[in-house]
């Protein structure tokens, strides 16, 4: 959608994201009504909804505390690469 947006203008990606994430308002699932609601929503309401969705988005915590050979405890990020899913690649 952003690539089709006119050049020189900022694409309303936050608005588009909310329109896709919100599936119902008071039981009404009409996409046009949801679009109108999102476009007329106050900025602070939009900010709070986005913060709530970001905090509650499912995901994996890939940081772990490990003990180094020196005995020091270190926080590391576990990285998954192609080798994890296809070790013979």
C-alpha atoms as a PDB file:
ATOM      1  CA  UNK A   1       0.000   0.000   0.000  1.00  0.00           C
ATOM      2  CA  UNK A   2       2.810   2.397   0.838  1.00  0.00           C
ATOM      3  CA  UNK A   3       4.462   1.882  -2.559  1.00  0.00           C
ATOM      4  CA  UNK A   4       1.241   2.920  -4.329  1.00  0.00           C
ATOM      5  CA  UNK A   5       0.939   6.080  -2.229  1.00  0.00           C
ATOM      6  CA  UNK A   6       1.773   9.369  -4.035  1.00  0.00           C
ATOM      7  CA  UNK A   7       5.446  10.318  -3.842  1.00  0.00           C
ATOM      8  CA  UNK A   8       6.295  13.339  -1.748  1.00  0.00           C
ATOM      9  CA  UNK A   9       3.574  12.565   0.806  1.00  0.00           C
ATOM     10  CA  UNK A  10       3.920  10.595   4.021  1.00  0.00           C
ATOM     11  CA  UNK A  11       1.930   7.363   3.914  1.00  0.00           C
ATOM     12  CA  UNK A  12      -0.458   6.932   6.890  1.00  0.00           C
ATOM     13  CA  UNK A  13       0.989   3.556   7.879  1.00  0.00           C
ATOM     14  CA  UNK A  14      -0.113   3.857  11.530  1.00  0.00           C
ATOM     15  CA  UNK A  15      -3.717   4.416  10.438  1.00  0.00           C
ATOM     16  CA  UNK A  16      -3.543   1.517   7.993  1.00  0.00           C
ATOM     17  CA  UNK A  17      -2.108  -0.747  10.676  1.00  0.00           C
ATOM     18  CA  UNK A  18      -4.918   0.081  13.099  1.00  0.00           C
ATOM     19  CA  UNK A  19      -7.526  -0.502  10.379  1.00  0.00           C
ATOM     20  CA  UNK A  20      -6.101  -3.981   9.793  1.00  0.00           C
ATOM     21  CA  UNK A  21      -5.723  -4.855  13.484  1.00  0.00           C
ATOM     22  CA  UNK A  22      -9.136  -3.699  14.692  1.00  0.00           C
ATOM     23  CA  UNK A  23     -11.698  -6.292  13.618  1.00  0.00           C
ATOM     24  CA  UNK A  24     -14.793  -5.080  15.473  1.00  0.00           C
ATOM     25  CA  UNK A  25     -16.103  -1.987  17.274  1.00  0.00           C
ATOM     26  CA  UNK A  26     -19.062  -2.631  19.574  1.00  0.00           C
ATOM     27  CA  UNK A  27     -19.768  -5.811  17.587  1.00  0.00           C
ATOM     28  CA  UNK A  28     -19.805  -4.023  14.228  1.00  0.00           C
ATOM     29  CA  UNK A  29     -17.350  -5.612  11.772  1.00  0.00           C
ATOM     30  CA  UNK A  30     -17.995  -3.258   8.832  1.00  0.00           C
ATOM     31  CA  UNK A  31     -14.606  -2.208   7.404  1.00  0.00           C
ATOM     32  CA  UNK A  32     -15.919   1.223   6.348  1.00  0.00           C
ATOM     33  CA  UNK A  33     -17.155   1.987   9.864  1.00  0.00           C
ATOM     34  CA  UNK A  34     -13.837   0.823  11.342  1.00  0.00           C
ATOM     35  CA  UNK A  35     -11.937   3.042   8.865  1.00  0.00           C
ATOM     36  CA  UNK A  36     -14.049   6.093   9.804  1.00  0.00           C
ATOM     37  CA  UNK A  37     -13.580   5.360  13.503  1.00  0.00           C
ATOM     38  CA  UNK A  38      -9.790   5.011  13.188  1.00  0.00           C
ATOM     39  CA  UNK A  39      -9.440   8.164  11.090  1.00  0.00           C
ATOM     40  CA  UNK A  40     -11.413  10.229  13.616  1.00  0.00           C
ATOM     41  CA  UNK A  41      -9.695   8.716  16.673  1.00  0.00           C
ATOM     42  CA  UNK A  42      -7.769  11.144  18.911  1.00  0.00           C
ATOM     43  CA  UNK A  43      -3.988  10.758  18.697  1.00  0.00           C
ATOM     44  CA  UNK A  44      -3.591   9.779  22.358  1.00  0.00           C
ATOM     45  CA  UNK A  45      -6.211   7.026  22.021  1.00  0.00           C
ATOM     46  CA  UNK A  46      -4.364   5.694  18.995  1.00  0.00           C
ATOM     47  CA  UNK A  47      -1.085   5.808  20.929  1.00  0.00           C
ATOM     48  CA  UNK A  48      -2.545   3.865  23.867  1.00  0.00           C
ATOM     49  CA  UNK A  49      -4.118   1.215  21.620  1.00  0.00           C
ATOM     50  CA  UNK A  50      -0.842   0.737  19.722  1.00  0.00           C
ATOM     51  CA  UNK A  51       1.130   0.482  22.982  1.00  0.00           C
ATOM     52  CA  UNK A  52      -1.323  -2.125  24.308  1.00  0.00           C
ATOM     53  CA  UNK A  53      -1.081  -4.152  21.098  1.00  0.00           C
ATOM     54  CA  UNK A  54       2.717  -4.008  21.090  1.00  0.00           C
ATOM     55  CA  UNK A  55       2.906  -5.161  24.720  1.00  0.00           C
ATOM     56  CA  UNK A  56       0.479  -8.038  24.132  1.00  0.00           C
ATOM     57  CA  UNK A  57       1.721  -9.185  20.755  1.00  0.00           C
ATOM     58  CA  UNK A  58       2.733 -12.851  20.877  1.00  0.00           C
ATOM     59  CA  UNK A  59       6.402 -13.514  20.412  1.00  0.00           C
ATOM     60  CA  UNK A  60       9.449 -15.256  21.765  1.00  0.00           C
ATOM     61  CA  UNK A  61      11.911 -13.893  24.278  1.00  0.00           C
ATOM     62  CA  UNK A  62      15.220 -15.044  22.852  1.00  0.00           C
ATOM     63  CA  UNK A  63      17.462 -13.486  25.518  1.00  0.00           C
ATOM     64  CA  UNK A  64      18.992 -15.834  28.049  1.00  0.00           C
ATOM     65  CA  UNK A  65      21.484 -15.552  30.872  1.00  0.00           C
ATOM     66  CA  UNK A  66      24.399 -17.949  30.483  1.00  0.00           C
ATOM     67  CA  UNK A  67      27.530 -18.563  32.493  1.00  0.00           C
ATOM     68  CA  UNK A  68      30.737 -17.900  30.568  1.00  0.00           C
ATOM     69  CA  UNK A  69      33.818 -20.121  31.065  1.00  0.00           C
ATOM     70  CA  UNK A  70      35.208 -17.385  33.337  1.00  0.00           C
ATOM     71  CA  UNK A  71      32.192 -17.814  35.640  1.00  0.00           C
ATOM     72  CA  UNK A  72      30.693 -14.461  34.680  1.00  0.00           C
ATOM     73  CA  UNK A  73      26.969 -14.379  33.934  1.00  0.00           C
ATOM     74  CA  UNK A  74      26.223 -12.854  30.527  1.00  0.00           C
ATOM     75  CA  UNK A  75      22.933 -12.023  28.757  1.00  0.00           C
ATOM     76  CA  UNK A  76      22.917 -13.328  25.170  1.00  0.00           C
ATOM     77  CA  UNK A  77      20.470 -13.281  22.265  1.00  0.00           C
ATOM     78  CA  UNK A  78      19.768 -16.679  20.766  1.00  0.00           C
ATOM     79  CA  UNK A  79      19.876 -16.417  16.993  1.00  0.00           C
ATOM     80  CA  UNK A  80      18.048 -18.807  14.717  1.00  0.00           C
ATOM     81  CA  UNK A  81      19.458 -19.162  11.260  1.00  0.00           C
ATOM     82  CA  UNK A  82      18.864 -21.417   8.304  1.00  0.00           C
ATOM     83  CA  UNK A  83      21.090 -24.026   9.941  1.00  0.00           C
ATOM     84  CA  UNK A  84      18.591 -24.473  12.789  1.00  0.00           C
ATOM     85  CA  UNK A  85      15.767 -25.480  10.459  1.00  0.00           C
ATOM     86  CA  UNK A  86      17.891 -27.237   7.812  1.00  0.00           C
ATOM     87  CA  UNK A  87      21.153 -28.440   9.374  1.00  0.00           C
ATOM     88  CA  UNK A  88      22.246 -30.072   6.105  1.00  0.00           C
ATOM     89  CA  UNK A  89      21.783 -26.947   3.986  1.00  0.00           C
END
